[in-house]
């Protein structure tokens, strides 16, 4: 990195399961000629998204350039977690050309971007742009996540009340800070549904921000990087729900880990996860599972009742074949009940 230039960083924000990691996987595989570093923020103690990115095996982004922060909310731990991670990246040899930061689905981008105003950071790094990834399928149905039927019903029945909907607020704050919106799952939408999804986003855009569609995370890297916006200089003008809060409180959400025995039938597990998520109003389930007789590790990703799974890499020699799922939901979810349903 030239001493005359600041290292650009792209912040990728978005709600749980919108497709941030898939977008980043494609980006690091196609951003040729640049050496990359990635900071991945997880909500839960198992590094699912970081592991998924490391599985890419791309030479311009080796495993040592991928840093996982399992604190759940990077916006709340800037000094303790993010700044040390940034220092580590800036000390890498050979030096990197671009930093990609994937926030957890519950993090607010504004406090993170404001950290780039600190003199010790601003002299070295700049925010090239903030990219918000949104779930097009859910938005076309009037929701920000796939399992919000119960919340939407409650809101419609109690229209006279001033509802505190943490999920909606997080979504709105992420969109309010964005320089570019990436609408995923566009291949699942007909033209009318696509327009409905875009209209939902437009309700929360205070300024002119482009909305681009993506299928399976595929976008030209030139669309996402090289924006040169120095967002830290403008972030104070982007108004959010939490502007006047000293601390951003995530007590509205809960996460925990469920350990499973080795399974035999991935489809049966996917069905069990889907039924559990729908019955217990779970936002997100993700993890890795050992399948009997298979040399490959099964990765599981669920957004509400929608579940996908695939074998991502072979188990390493001497690696413990653990089956662990991270469950994320709103405060008050029944941990024991969910764990029992998943383990059944």
C-alpha atoms as a PDB file:
ATOM      1  CA  UNK A   1       0.000   0.000   0.000  1.00  0.00           C
ATOM      2  CA  UNK A   2       1.418   3.355  -1.005  1.00  0.00           C
ATOM      3  CA  UNK A   3       1.984   5.763   1.847  1.00  0.00           C
ATOM      4  CA  UNK A   4       0.126   8.342  -0.263  1.00  0.00           C
ATOM      5  CA  UNK A   5      -3.008   6.239  -0.682  1.00  0.00           C
ATOM      6  CA  UNK A   6      -5.556   4.848   1.735  1.00  0.00           C
ATOM      7  CA  UNK A   7      -6.582   1.225   1.567  1.00  0.00           C
ATOM      8  CA  UNK A   8     -10.212   0.900   0.338  1.00  0.00           C
ATOM      9  CA  UNK A   9     -12.717  -1.163   2.326  1.00  0.00           C
ATOM     10  CA  UNK A  10     -16.153  -2.328   1.218  1.00  0.00           C
ATOM     11  CA  UNK A  11     -18.751  -2.890   3.944  1.00  0.00           C
ATOM     12  CA  UNK A  12     -21.304  -5.585   3.051  1.00  0.00           C
ATOM     13  CA  UNK A  13     -24.354  -5.391   5.295  1.00  0.00           C
ATOM     14  CA  UNK A  14     -27.741  -7.064   5.126  1.00  0.00           C
ATOM     15  CA  UNK A  15     -30.315  -8.989   7.076  1.00  0.00           C
ATOM     16  CA  UNK A  16     -29.960 -12.604   8.168  1.00  0.00           C
ATOM     17  CA  UNK A  17     -29.800 -14.980   5.211  1.00  0.00           C
ATOM     18  CA  UNK A  18     -30.075 -12.317   2.519  1.00  0.00           C
ATOM     19  CA  UNK A  19     -27.047 -13.717   0.681  1.00  0.00           C
ATOM     20  CA  UNK A  20     -24.027 -11.719   1.878  1.00  0.00           C
ATOM     21  CA  UNK A  21     -21.621 -14.661   2.064  1.00  0.00           C
ATOM     22  CA  UNK A  22     -22.677 -15.970  -1.361  1.00  0.00           C
ATOM     23  CA  UNK A  23     -22.050 -12.513  -2.821  1.00  0.00           C
ATOM     24  CA  UNK A  24     -18.606 -12.338  -1.205  1.00  0.00           C
ATOM     25  CA  UNK A  25     -17.681 -15.839  -2.393  1.00  0.00           C
ATOM     26  CA  UNK A  26     -18.343 -14.804  -5.972  1.00  0.00           C
ATOM     27  CA  UNK A  27     -16.566 -11.489  -5.468  1.00  0.00           C
ATOM     28  CA  UNK A  28     -13.307 -12.974  -4.201  1.00  0.00           C
ATOM     29  CA  UNK A  29     -13.368 -15.540  -6.996  1.00  0.00           C
ATOM     30  CA  UNK A  30     -13.753 -12.900  -9.711  1.00  0.00           C
ATOM     31  CA  UNK A  31     -11.876  -9.856  -8.379  1.00  0.00           C
ATOM     32  CA  UNK A  32      -8.696 -10.602 -10.304  1.00  0.00           C
ATOM     33  CA  UNK A  33      -5.452  -8.757  -9.820  1.00  0.00           C
ATOM     34  CA  UNK A  34      -6.174  -7.613  -6.254  1.00  0.00           C
ATOM     35  CA  UNK A  35      -4.970  -9.168  -3.035  1.00  0.00           C
ATOM     36  CA  UNK A  36      -7.883  -9.247  -0.599  1.00  0.00           C
ATOM     37  CA  UNK A  37      -8.484  -9.435   3.126  1.00  0.00           C
ATOM     38  CA  UNK A  38     -11.851 -10.192   4.703  1.00  0.00           C
ATOM     39  CA  UNK A  39     -13.335  -9.490   8.117  1.00  0.00           C
ATOM     40  CA  UNK A  40     -16.347 -11.716   8.809  1.00  0.00           C
ATOM     41  CA  UNK A  41     -18.623 -10.924  11.741  1.00  0.00           C
ATOM     42  CA  UNK A  42     -20.711 -13.830  13.069  1.00  0.00           C
ATOM     43  CA  UNK A  43     -23.726 -13.957  15.384  1.00  0.00           C
ATOM     44  CA  UNK A  44     -22.854 -17.113  17.255  1.00  0.00           C
ATOM     45  CA  UNK A  45     -19.720 -18.939  18.304  1.00  0.00           C
ATOM     46  CA  UNK A  46     -19.347 -21.184  15.246  1.00  0.00           C
ATOM     47  CA  UNK A  47     -17.604 -19.503  12.303  1.00  0.00           C
ATOM     48  CA  UNK A  48     -19.942 -20.653   9.539  1.00  0.00           C
ATOM     49  CA  UNK A  49     -19.514 -17.762   7.114  1.00  0.00           C
ATOM     50  CA  UNK A  50     -15.764 -17.529   7.596  1.00  0.00           C
ATOM     51  CA  UNK A  51     -15.421 -21.253   6.933  1.00  0.00           C
ATOM     52  CA  UNK A  52     -17.517 -20.909   3.785  1.00  0.00           C
ATOM     53  CA  UNK A  53     -15.227 -18.175   2.459  1.00  0.00           C
ATOM     54  CA  UNK A  54     -12.061 -20.089   3.335  1.00  0.00           C
ATOM     55  CA  UNK A  55     -13.420 -23.041   1.361  1.00  0.00           C
ATOM     56  CA  UNK A  56     -13.084 -20.955  -1.834  1.00  0.00           C
ATOM     57  CA  UNK A  57      -9.336 -21.631  -1.935  1.00  0.00           C
ATOM     58  CA  UNK A  58      -8.569 -18.484  -3.949  1.00  0.00           C
ATOM     59  CA  UNK A  59      -4.891 -17.505  -4.127  1.00  0.00           C
ATOM     60  CA  UNK A  60      -5.540 -13.759  -3.855  1.00  0.00           C
ATOM     61  CA  UNK A  61      -7.330 -14.283  -0.524  1.00  0.00           C
ATOM     62  CA  UNK A  62      -5.524 -16.978   1.505  1.00  0.00           C
ATOM     63  CA  UNK A  63      -6.959 -18.279   4.762  1.00  0.00           C
ATOM     64  CA  UNK A  64      -4.667 -16.085   6.876  1.00  0.00           C
ATOM     65  CA  UNK A  65      -6.252 -13.022   5.243  1.00  0.00           C
ATOM     66  CA  UNK A  66      -9.721 -13.983   6.525  1.00  0.00           C
ATOM     67  CA  UNK A  67     -10.415 -12.815  10.077  1.00  0.00           C
ATOM     68  CA  UNK A  68     -13.512 -13.996  11.944  1.00  0.00           C
ATOM     69  CA  UNK A  69     -15.085 -11.941  14.731  1.00  0.00           C
ATOM     70  CA  UNK A  70     -17.617 -14.096  16.599  1.00  0.00           C
ATOM     71  CA  UNK A  71     -18.983 -11.311  18.793  1.00  0.00           C
ATOM     72  CA  UNK A  72     -22.367 -11.107  17.058  1.00  0.00           C
ATOM     73  CA  UNK A  73     -22.315  -7.376  16.462  1.00  0.00           C
ATOM     74  CA  UNK A  74     -19.268  -5.639  15.060  1.00  0.00           C
ATOM     75  CA  UNK A  75     -20.962  -2.254  15.492  1.00  0.00           C
ATOM     76  CA  UNK A  76     -20.936  -2.695  19.281  1.00  0.00           C
ATOM     77  CA  UNK A  77     -17.320  -3.848  19.649  1.00  0.00           C
ATOM     78  CA  UNK A  78     -15.418  -1.555  17.308  1.00  0.00           C
ATOM     79  CA  UNK A  79     -12.608  -0.715  19.720  1.00  0.00           C
ATOM     80  CA  UNK A  80     -12.238  -4.202  21.200  1.00  0.00           C
ATOM     81  CA  UNK A  81     -12.538  -6.335  18.068  1.00  0.00           C
ATOM     82  CA  UNK A  82     -12.649  -4.426  14.798  1.00  0.00           C
ATOM     83  CA  UNK A  83      -9.646  -2.129  15.266  1.00  0.00           C
ATOM     84  CA  UNK A  84      -7.266  -4.958  16.262  1.00  0.00           C
ATOM     85  CA  UNK A  85      -8.479  -6.931  13.226  1.00  0.00           C
ATOM     86  CA  UNK A  86      -7.808  -3.908  11.022  1.00  0.00           C
ATOM     87  CA  UNK A  87      -4.300  -3.515  12.464  1.00  0.00           C
ATOM     88  CA  UNK A  88      -3.630  -7.168  11.737  1.00  0.00           C
ATOM     89  CA  UNK A  89      -4.701  -6.753   8.119  1.00  0.00           C
ATOM     90  CA  UNK A  90      -2.568  -3.653   7.642  1.00  0.00           C
ATOM     91  CA  UNK A  91       0.475  -5.586   8.835  1.00  0.00           C
ATOM     92  CA  UNK A  92       0.055  -8.426   6.336  1.00  0.00           C
ATOM     93  CA  UNK A  93       2.864  -9.203   3.899  1.00  0.00           C
ATOM     94  CA  UNK A  94       2.467  -8.984   1.008  1.00  0.00           C
ATOM     95  CA  UNK A  95       0.122  -6.036   1.617  1.00  0.00           C
ATOM     96  CA  UNK A  96      -3.519  -6.249   0.574  1.00  0.00           C
ATOM     97  CA  UNK A  97      -5.216  -4.074  -2.030  1.00  0.00           C
ATOM     98  CA  UNK A  98      -8.799  -4.157  -0.750  1.00  0.00           C
ATOM     99  CA  UNK A  99     -10.654  -5.101   2.450  1.00  0.00           C
ATOM    100  CA  UNK A 100     -14.100  -6.709   2.438  1.00  0.00           C
ATOM    101  CA  UNK A 101     -16.107  -6.515   5.676  1.00  0.00           C
ATOM    102  CA  UNK A 102     -19.159  -8.771   6.101  1.00  0.00           C
ATOM    103  CA  UNK A 103     -21.234  -7.676   9.090  1.00  0.00           C
ATOM    104  CA  UNK A 104     -23.558 -10.033  10.917  1.00  0.00           C
ATOM    105  CA  UNK A 105     -27.212  -9.873   9.933  1.00  0.00           C
ATOM    106  CA  UNK A 106     -28.016  -7.972  13.125  1.00  0.00           C
ATOM    107  CA  UNK A 107     -25.264  -5.341  12.915  1.00  0.00           C
ATOM    108  CA  UNK A 108     -25.843  -1.696  12.059  1.00  0.00           C
ATOM    109  CA  UNK A 109     -23.394  -0.315   9.481  1.00  0.00           C
ATOM    110  CA  UNK A 110     -23.337   3.292  10.703  1.00  0.00           C
ATOM    111  CA  UNK A 111     -21.344   2.822  13.952  1.00  0.00           C
ATOM    112  CA  UNK A 112     -18.838   0.699  12.032  1.00  0.00           C
ATOM    113  CA  UNK A 113     -18.374   3.302   9.292  1.00  0.00           C
ATOM    114  CA  UNK A 114     -18.023   6.046  11.905  1.00  0.00           C
ATOM    115  CA  UNK A 115     -14.970   4.192  13.249  1.00  0.00           C
ATOM    116  CA  UNK A 116     -13.239   5.091   9.993  1.00  0.00           C
ATOM    117  CA  UNK A 117     -13.404   8.733  11.116  1.00  0.00           C
ATOM    118  CA  UNK A 118     -10.949   8.010  13.929  1.00  0.00           C
ATOM    119  CA  UNK A 119      -7.594   9.666  13.094  1.00  0.00           C
ATOM    120  CA  UNK A 120      -5.646   6.418  13.534  1.00  0.00           C
ATOM    121  CA  UNK A 121      -7.914   4.722  10.983  1.00  0.00           C
ATOM    122  CA  UNK A 122      -8.712   7.564   8.595  1.00  0.00           C
ATOM    123  CA  UNK A 123      -5.066   8.115   7.740  1.00  0.00           C
ATOM    124  CA  UNK A 124      -4.763   4.526   6.517  1.00  0.00           C
ATOM    125  CA  UNK A 125      -8.151   3.184   5.365  1.00  0.00           C
ATOM    126  CA  UNK A 126     -11.277   4.573   3.684  1.00  0.00           C
ATOM    127  CA  UNK A 127     -14.757   3.118   3.136  1.00  0.00           C
ATOM    128  CA  UNK A 128     -15.046   2.633  -0.624  1.00  0.00           C
ATOM    129  CA  UNK A 129     -18.784   1.944  -0.310  1.00  0.00           C
ATOM    130  CA  UNK A 130     -21.518   0.336   1.777  1.00  0.00           C
ATOM    131  CA  UNK A 131     -23.394  -2.474   0.018  1.00  0.00           C
ATOM    132  CA  UNK A 132     -26.711  -3.644   1.495  1.00  0.00           C
ATOM    133  CA  UNK A 133     -27.842  -7.131   0.468  1.00  0.00           C
ATOM    134  CA  UNK A 134     -31.604  -7.698   0.686  1.00  0.00           C
ATOM    135  CA  UNK A 135     -33.821 -10.763   0.260  1.00  0.00           C
ATOM    136  CA  UNK A 136     -35.870 -10.081  -2.873  1.00  0.00           C
ATOM    137  CA  UNK A 137     -38.235 -12.992  -2.344  1.00  0.00           C
ATOM    138  CA  UNK A 138     -39.185 -11.951   1.191  1.00  0.00           C
ATOM    139  CA  UNK A 139     -39.530  -8.293   0.197  1.00  0.00           C
ATOM    140  CA  UNK A 140     -41.825  -9.165  -2.697  1.00  0.00           C
ATOM    141  CA  UNK A 141     -44.124 -10.745  -0.111  1.00  0.00           C
ATOM    142  CA  UNK A 142     -44.061  -7.636   2.094  1.00  0.00           C
ATOM    143  CA  UNK A 143     -41.496  -8.884   4.615  1.00  0.00           C
ATOM    144  CA  UNK A 144     -37.783  -8.373   5.280  1.00  0.00           C
ATOM    145  CA  UNK A 145     -37.239 -12.031   6.220  1.00  0.00           C
ATOM    146  CA  UNK A 146     -38.929 -15.251   5.228  1.00  0.00           C
ATOM    147  CA  UNK A 147     -40.473 -16.097   8.586  1.00  0.00           C
ATOM    148  CA  UNK A 148     -42.147 -12.876   9.646  1.00  0.00           C
ATOM    149  CA  UNK A 149     -45.778 -13.869   9.179  1.00  0.00           C
ATOM    150  CA  UNK A 150     -46.430 -13.711  12.902  1.00  0.00           C
ATOM    151  CA  UNK A 151     -44.845 -10.283  13.303  1.00  0.00           C
ATOM    152  CA  UNK A 152     -46.642  -8.859  10.295  1.00  0.00           C
ATOM    153  CA  UNK A 153     -49.972 -10.211  11.547  1.00  0.00           C
ATOM    154  CA  UNK A 154     -49.412  -8.600  14.912  1.00  0.00           C
ATOM    155  CA  UNK A 155     -48.566  -5.270  13.329  1.00  0.00           C
ATOM    156  CA  UNK A 156     -51.653  -5.327  11.126  1.00  0.00           C
ATOM    157  CA  UNK A 157     -53.916  -6.144  14.063  1.00  0.00           C
ATOM    158  CA  UNK A 158     -52.474  -3.382  16.268  1.00  0.00           C
ATOM    159  CA  UNK A 159     -52.159  -0.522  13.810  1.00  0.00           C
ATOM    160  CA  UNK A 160     -52.917   2.083  16.464  1.00  0.00           C
ATOM    161  CA  UNK A 161     -49.806   1.192  18.462  1.00  0.00           C
ATOM    162  CA  UNK A 162     -46.288   2.508  17.942  1.00  0.00           C
ATOM    163  CA  UNK A 163     -44.613  -0.844  17.424  1.00  0.00           C
ATOM    164  CA  UNK A 164     -41.005  -1.512  18.316  1.00  0.00           C
ATOM    165  CA  UNK A 165     -40.084  -4.009  15.627  1.00  0.00           C
ATOM    166  CA  UNK A 166     -36.332  -4.671  15.977  1.00  0.00           C
ATOM    167  CA  UNK A 167     -36.102  -6.642  12.749  1.00  0.00           C
ATOM    168  CA  UNK A 168     -37.723  -3.880  10.712  1.00  0.00           C
ATOM    169  CA  UNK A 169     -35.517  -1.257  12.350  1.00  0.00           C
ATOM    170  CA  UNK A 170     -32.318  -3.160  11.623  1.00  0.00           C
ATOM    171  CA  UNK A 171     -33.372  -3.605   7.998  1.00  0.00           C
ATOM    172  CA  UNK A 172     -34.277   0.067   7.609  1.00  0.00           C
ATOM    173  CA  UNK A 173     -31.009   1.234   9.177  1.00  0.00           C
ATOM    174  CA  UNK A 174     -28.968  -1.012   6.886  1.00  0.00           C
ATOM    175  CA  UNK A 175     -30.743   0.311   3.793  1.00  0.00           C
ATOM    176  CA  UNK A 176     -30.464   3.927   4.990  1.00  0.00           C
ATOM    177  CA  UNK A 177     -26.662   3.658   5.081  1.00  0.00           C
ATOM    178  CA  UNK A 178     -26.232   1.934   1.713  1.00  0.00           C
ATOM    179  CA  UNK A 179     -24.533   3.283  -1.397  1.00  0.00           C
ATOM    180  CA  UNK A 180     -25.731   0.308  -3.417  1.00  0.00           C
ATOM    181  CA  UNK A 181     -28.548  -2.205  -2.846  1.00  0.00           C
ATOM    182  CA  UNK A 182     -28.094  -5.784  -4.078  1.00  0.00           C
ATOM    183  CA  UNK A 183     -31.437  -7.554  -4.392  1.00  0.00           C
ATOM    184  CA  UNK A 184     -30.910 -11.321  -4.255  1.00  0.00           C
ATOM    185  CA  UNK A 185     -33.046 -14.290  -5.321  1.00  0.00           C
ATOM    186  CA  UNK A 186     -34.151 -12.313  -8.371  1.00  0.00           C
ATOM    187  CA  UNK A 187     -34.421 -15.575 -10.335  1.00  0.00           C
ATOM    188  CA  UNK A 188     -37.345 -16.569  -8.086  1.00  0.00           C
ATOM    189  CA  UNK A 189     -39.369 -13.446  -8.895  1.00  0.00           C
ATOM    190  CA  UNK A 190     -41.676 -12.625 -11.786  1.00  0.00           C
ATOM    191  CA  UNK A 191     -41.690  -9.000 -13.049  1.00  0.00           C
ATOM    192  CA  UNK A 192     -44.539  -7.949 -10.743  1.00  0.00           C
ATOM    193  CA  UNK A 193     -42.876  -9.472  -7.671  1.00  0.00           C
ATOM    194  CA  UNK A 194     -39.568  -7.833  -8.572  1.00  0.00           C
ATOM    195  CA  UNK A 195     -41.221  -4.421  -8.756  1.00  0.00           C
ATOM    196  CA  UNK A 196     -42.940  -5.041  -5.427  1.00  0.00           C
ATOM    197  CA  UNK A 197     -39.583  -5.848  -3.819  1.00  0.00           C
ATOM    198  CA  UNK A 198     -37.957  -2.721  -5.251  1.00  0.00           C
ATOM    199  CA  UNK A 199     -40.884  -0.594  -4.088  1.00  0.00           C
ATOM    200  CA  UNK A 200     -40.446  -1.920  -0.547  1.00  0.00           C
ATOM    201  CA  UNK A 201     -36.794  -0.892  -0.588  1.00  0.00           C
ATOM    202  CA  UNK A 202     -37.593   2.525  -2.059  1.00  0.00           C
ATOM    203  CA  UNK A 203     -39.772   3.299   0.975  1.00  0.00           C
ATOM    204  CA  UNK A 204     -36.601   3.484   3.079  1.00  0.00           C
ATOM    205  CA  UNK A 205     -34.199   5.187   0.675  1.00  0.00           C
ATOM    206  CA  UNK A 206     -33.670   8.837   1.671  1.00  0.00           C
ATOM    207  CA  UNK A 207     -31.526   9.542  -1.395  1.00  0.00           C
ATOM    208  CA  UNK A 208     -30.794   8.217  -4.862  1.00  0.00           C
ATOM    209  CA  UNK A 209     -29.325   4.744  -4.457  1.00  0.00           C
ATOM    210  CA  UNK A 210     -29.139   2.184  -7.244  1.00  0.00           C
ATOM    211  CA  UNK A 211     -30.765  -1.228  -6.827  1.00  0.00           C
ATOM    212  CA  UNK A 212     -29.132  -4.080  -8.747  1.00  0.00           C
ATOM    213  CA  UNK A 213     -30.351  -7.676  -8.916  1.00  0.00           C
ATOM    214  CA  UNK A 214     -28.230 -10.771  -8.412  1.00  0.00           C
ATOM    215  CA  UNK A 215     -28.769 -14.479  -8.920  1.00  0.00           C
ATOM    216  CA  UNK A 216     -26.652 -16.771  -6.732  1.00  0.00           C
ATOM    217  CA  UNK A 217     -24.473 -13.810  -5.776  1.00  0.00           C
ATOM    218  CA  UNK A 218     -23.171 -13.228  -9.296  1.00  0.00           C
ATOM    219  CA  UNK A 219     -22.306  -9.590  -9.995  1.00  0.00           C
ATOM    220  CA  UNK A 220     -19.504  -7.903 -11.895  1.00  0.00           C
ATOM    221  CA  UNK A 221     -16.885  -6.850  -9.295  1.00  0.00           C
ATOM    222  CA  UNK A 222     -16.718  -3.455 -10.993  1.00  0.00           C
ATOM    223  CA  UNK A 223     -20.272  -2.812  -9.782  1.00  0.00           C
ATOM    224  CA  UNK A 224     -19.374  -3.392  -6.129  1.00  0.00           C
ATOM    225  CA  UNK A 225     -15.826  -2.063  -5.790  1.00  0.00           C
ATOM    226  CA  UNK A 226     -13.852   0.971  -6.887  1.00  0.00           C
ATOM    227  CA  UNK A 227     -16.677   3.327  -5.902  1.00  0.00           C
ATOM    228  CA  UNK A 228     -14.250   5.722  -4.186  1.00  0.00           C
ATOM    229  CA  UNK A 229     -16.951   7.307  -2.038  1.00  0.00           C
ATOM    230  CA  UNK A 230     -15.065   7.857   1.258  1.00  0.00           C
ATOM    231  CA  UNK A 231     -18.323   7.064   3.048  1.00  0.00           C
ATOM    232  CA  UNK A 232     -16.886   8.000   6.441  1.00  0.00           C
ATOM    233  CA  UNK A 233     -17.026  11.659   5.346  1.00  0.00           C
ATOM    234  CA  UNK A 234     -20.769  11.445   4.630  1.00  0.00           C
ATOM    235  CA  UNK A 235     -22.070   8.889   7.141  1.00  0.00           C
ATOM    236  CA  UNK A 236     -23.271  11.471   9.701  1.00  0.00           C
ATOM    237  CA  UNK A 237     -25.859  12.706   7.202  1.00  0.00           C
ATOM    238  CA  UNK A 238     -27.408   9.245   6.851  1.00  0.00           C
ATOM    239  CA  UNK A 239     -30.123   9.185   9.488  1.00  0.00           C
ATOM    240  CA  UNK A 240     -31.106   5.947  11.252  1.00  0.00           C
ATOM    241  CA  UNK A 241     -33.328   4.788  14.099  1.00  0.00           C
ATOM    242  CA  UNK A 242     -30.395   4.503  16.487  1.00  0.00           C
ATOM    243  CA  UNK A 243     -28.695   7.859  15.899  1.00  0.00           C
ATOM    244  CA  UNK A 244     -29.397   9.113  19.417  1.00  0.00           C
ATOM    245  CA  UNK A 245     -28.526   5.923  21.285  1.00  0.00           C
ATOM    246  CA  UNK A 246     -25.269   5.687  23.197  1.00  0.00           C
ATOM    247  CA  UNK A 247     -25.235   1.926  22.711  1.00  0.00           C
ATOM    248  CA  UNK A 248     -26.947  -0.312  20.192  1.00  0.00           C
ATOM    249  CA  UNK A 249     -28.669  -3.044  22.226  1.00  0.00           C
ATOM    250  CA  UNK A 250     -29.098  -6.514  20.727  1.00  0.00           C
ATOM    251  CA  UNK A 251     -31.138  -7.849  23.615  1.00  0.00           C
ATOM    252  CA  UNK A 252     -33.981  -8.244  21.121  1.00  0.00           C
ATOM    253  CA  UNK A 253     -32.158 -11.237  19.595  1.00  0.00           C
ATOM    254  CA  UNK A 254     -30.823 -14.519  20.854  1.00  0.00           C
ATOM    255  CA  UNK A 255     -28.440 -17.155  19.493  1.00  0.00           C
ATOM    256  CA  UNK A 256     -27.283 -20.539  20.703  1.00  0.00           C
ATOM    257  CA  UNK A 257     -25.566 -23.685  19.457  1.00  0.00           C
ATOM    258  CA  UNK A 258     -27.135 -27.120  18.995  1.00  0.00           C
ATOM    259  CA  UNK A 259     -24.810 -30.135  18.773  1.00  0.00           C
ATOM    260  CA  UNK A 260     -26.192 -33.043  16.758  1.00  0.00           C
ATOM    261  CA  UNK A 261     -25.214 -36.653  16.326  1.00  0.00           C
ATOM    262  CA  UNK A 262     -23.919 -37.783  12.945  1.00  0.00           C
ATOM    263  CA  UNK A 263     -26.801 -38.036  10.460  1.00  0.00           C
ATOM    264  CA  UNK A 264     -27.577 -40.421   7.627  1.00  0.00           C
ATOM    265  CA  UNK A 265     -30.152 -38.536   5.555  1.00  0.00           C
ATOM    266  CA  UNK A 266     -29.484 -34.847   4.649  1.00  0.00           C
ATOM    267  CA  UNK A 267     -32.994 -34.461   3.237  1.00  0.00           C
ATOM    268  CA  UNK A 268     -34.566 -35.621   6.486  1.00  0.00           C
ATOM    269  CA  UNK A 269     -32.429 -33.121   8.407  1.00  0.00           C
ATOM    270  CA  UNK A 270     -33.434 -30.314   6.031  1.00  0.00           C
ATOM    271  CA  UNK A 271     -37.097 -31.174   6.548  1.00  0.00           C
ATOM    272  CA  UNK A 272     -36.628 -31.193  10.327  1.00  0.00           C
ATOM    273  CA  UNK A 273     -34.872 -27.806  10.236  1.00  0.00           C
ATOM    274  CA  UNK A 274     -37.598 -26.294   8.049  1.00  0.00           C
ATOM    275  CA  UNK A 275     -40.384 -27.544  10.299  1.00  0.00           C
ATOM    276  CA  UNK A 276     -38.569 -26.325  13.422  1.00  0.00           C
ATOM    277  CA  UNK A 277     -37.939 -22.865  11.999  1.00  0.00           C
ATOM    278  CA  UNK A 278     -41.562 -22.478  10.972  1.00  0.00           C
ATOM    279  CA  UNK A 279     -42.997 -23.805  14.233  1.00  0.00           C
ATOM    280  CA  UNK A 280     -40.703 -21.817  16.544  1.00  0.00           C
ATOM    281  CA  UNK A 281     -40.303 -18.529  14.586  1.00  0.00           C
ATOM    282  CA  UNK A 282     -36.564 -19.020  14.092  1.00  0.00           C
ATOM    283  CA  UNK A 283     -34.853 -16.410  11.916  1.00  0.00           C
ATOM    284  CA  UNK A 284     -31.771 -18.354  10.898  1.00  0.00           C
ATOM    285  CA  UNK A 285     -30.118 -21.766  11.282  1.00  0.00           C
ATOM    286  CA  UNK A 286     -26.677 -22.488   9.858  1.00  0.00           C
ATOM    287  CA  UNK A 287     -23.864 -24.893  10.488  1.00  0.00           C
ATOM    288  CA  UNK A 288     -21.855 -27.955   9.470  1.00  0.00           C
ATOM    289  CA  UNK A 289     -22.949 -31.574   9.765  1.00  0.00           C
ATOM    290  CA  UNK A 290     -21.261 -34.949   9.530  1.00  0.00           C
ATOM    291  CA  UNK A 291     -23.029 -37.467   7.273  1.00  0.00           C
ATOM    292  CA  UNK A 292     -22.342 -41.150   7.932  1.00  0.00           C
ATOM    293  CA  UNK A 293     -20.247 -42.761   5.214  1.00  0.00           C
ATOM    294  CA  UNK A 294     -19.470 -39.461   3.481  1.00  0.00           C
ATOM    295  CA  UNK A 295     -15.932 -38.024   3.330  1.00  0.00           C
ATOM    296  CA  UNK A 296     -17.297 -34.515   2.744  1.00  0.00           C
ATOM    297  CA  UNK A 297     -18.643 -32.028   5.290  1.00  0.00           C
ATOM    298  CA  UNK A 298     -22.282 -30.957   4.807  1.00  0.00           C
ATOM    299  CA  UNK A 299     -22.943 -27.235   5.101  1.00  0.00           C
ATOM    300  CA  UNK A 300     -26.499 -26.248   6.071  1.00  0.00           C
ATOM    301  CA  UNK A 301     -28.055 -22.795   5.593  1.00  0.00           C
ATOM    302  CA  UNK A 302     -31.647 -21.963   6.541  1.00  0.00           C
ATOM    303  CA  UNK A 303     -33.528 -18.690   6.332  1.00  0.00           C
ATOM    304  CA  UNK A 304     -36.779 -19.279   8.144  1.00  0.00           C
ATOM    305  CA  UNK A 305     -38.267 -22.463   6.664  1.00  0.00           C
ATOM    306  CA  UNK A 306     -36.172 -22.256   3.462  1.00  0.00           C
ATOM    307  CA  UNK A 307     -33.250 -24.683   3.757  1.00  0.00           C
ATOM    308  CA  UNK A 308     -30.290 -25.359   1.479  1.00  0.00           C
ATOM    309  CA  UNK A 309     -27.463 -27.826   2.015  1.00  0.00           C
ATOM    310  CA  UNK A 310     -24.409 -28.983   0.089  1.00  0.00           C
ATOM    311  CA  UNK A 311     -21.090 -30.738   0.654  1.00  0.00           C
ATOM    312  CA  UNK A 312     -18.526 -27.942   0.841  1.00  0.00           C
ATOM    313  CA  UNK A 313     -15.176 -29.710   1.460  1.00  0.00           C
ATOM    314  CA  UNK A 314     -13.597 -32.969   2.663  1.00  0.00           C
ATOM    315  CA  UNK A 315     -13.100 -33.452   6.393  1.00  0.00           C
ATOM    316  CA  UNK A 316      -9.475 -32.787   7.253  1.00  0.00           C
ATOM    317  CA  UNK A 317      -7.131 -35.502   8.435  1.00  0.00           C
ATOM    318  CA  UNK A 318      -7.525 -35.745  12.202  1.00  0.00           C
ATOM    319  CA  UNK A 319     -10.371 -33.188  12.180  1.00  0.00           C
ATOM    320  CA  UNK A 320     -13.230 -33.958  14.565  1.00  0.00           C
ATOM    321  CA  UNK A 321     -16.386 -34.688  12.566  1.00  0.00           C
ATOM    322  CA  UNK A 322     -18.675 -32.487  14.621  1.00  0.00           C
ATOM    323  CA  UNK A 323     -22.255 -31.569  13.749  1.00  0.00           C
ATOM    324  CA  UNK A 324     -23.078 -28.099  15.072  1.00  0.00           C
ATOM    325  CA  UNK A 325     -25.857 -25.670  14.185  1.00  0.00           C
ATOM    326  CA  UNK A 326     -26.157 -22.006  15.175  1.00  0.00           C
ATOM    327  CA  UNK A 327     -29.766 -20.955  15.835  1.00  0.00           C
ATOM    328  CA  UNK A 328     -30.690 -17.247  15.700  1.00  0.00           C
ATOM    329  CA  UNK A 329     -34.062 -15.803  16.663  1.00  0.00           C
ATOM    330  CA  UNK A 330     -35.765 -13.027  18.527  1.00  0.00           C
ATOM    331  CA  UNK A 331     -35.545 -12.875  22.300  1.00  0.00           C
ATOM    332  CA  UNK A 332     -37.753 -15.427  24.019  1.00  0.00           C
ATOM    333  CA  UNK A 333     -37.386 -18.313  21.587  1.00  0.00           C
ATOM    334  CA  UNK A 334     -37.625 -21.672  23.337  1.00  0.00           C
ATOM    335  CA  UNK A 335     -34.064 -23.009  23.313  1.00  0.00           C
ATOM    336  CA  UNK A 336     -34.901 -26.396  24.808  1.00  0.00           C
ATOM    337  CA  UNK A 337     -37.820 -26.977  22.468  1.00  0.00           C
ATOM    338  CA  UNK A 338     -35.820 -26.003  19.379  1.00  0.00           C
ATOM    339  CA  UNK A 339     -32.846 -28.153  20.386  1.00  0.00           C
ATOM    340  CA  UNK A 340     -35.153 -31.134  20.975  1.00  0.00           C
ATOM    341  CA  UNK A 341     -36.846 -30.708  17.592  1.00  0.00           C
ATOM    342  CA  UNK A 342     -33.533 -30.436  15.733  1.00  0.00           C
ATOM    343  CA  UNK A 343     -32.075 -33.455  17.495  1.00  0.00           C
ATOM    344  CA  UNK A 344     -35.169 -35.643  17.083  1.00  0.00           C
END
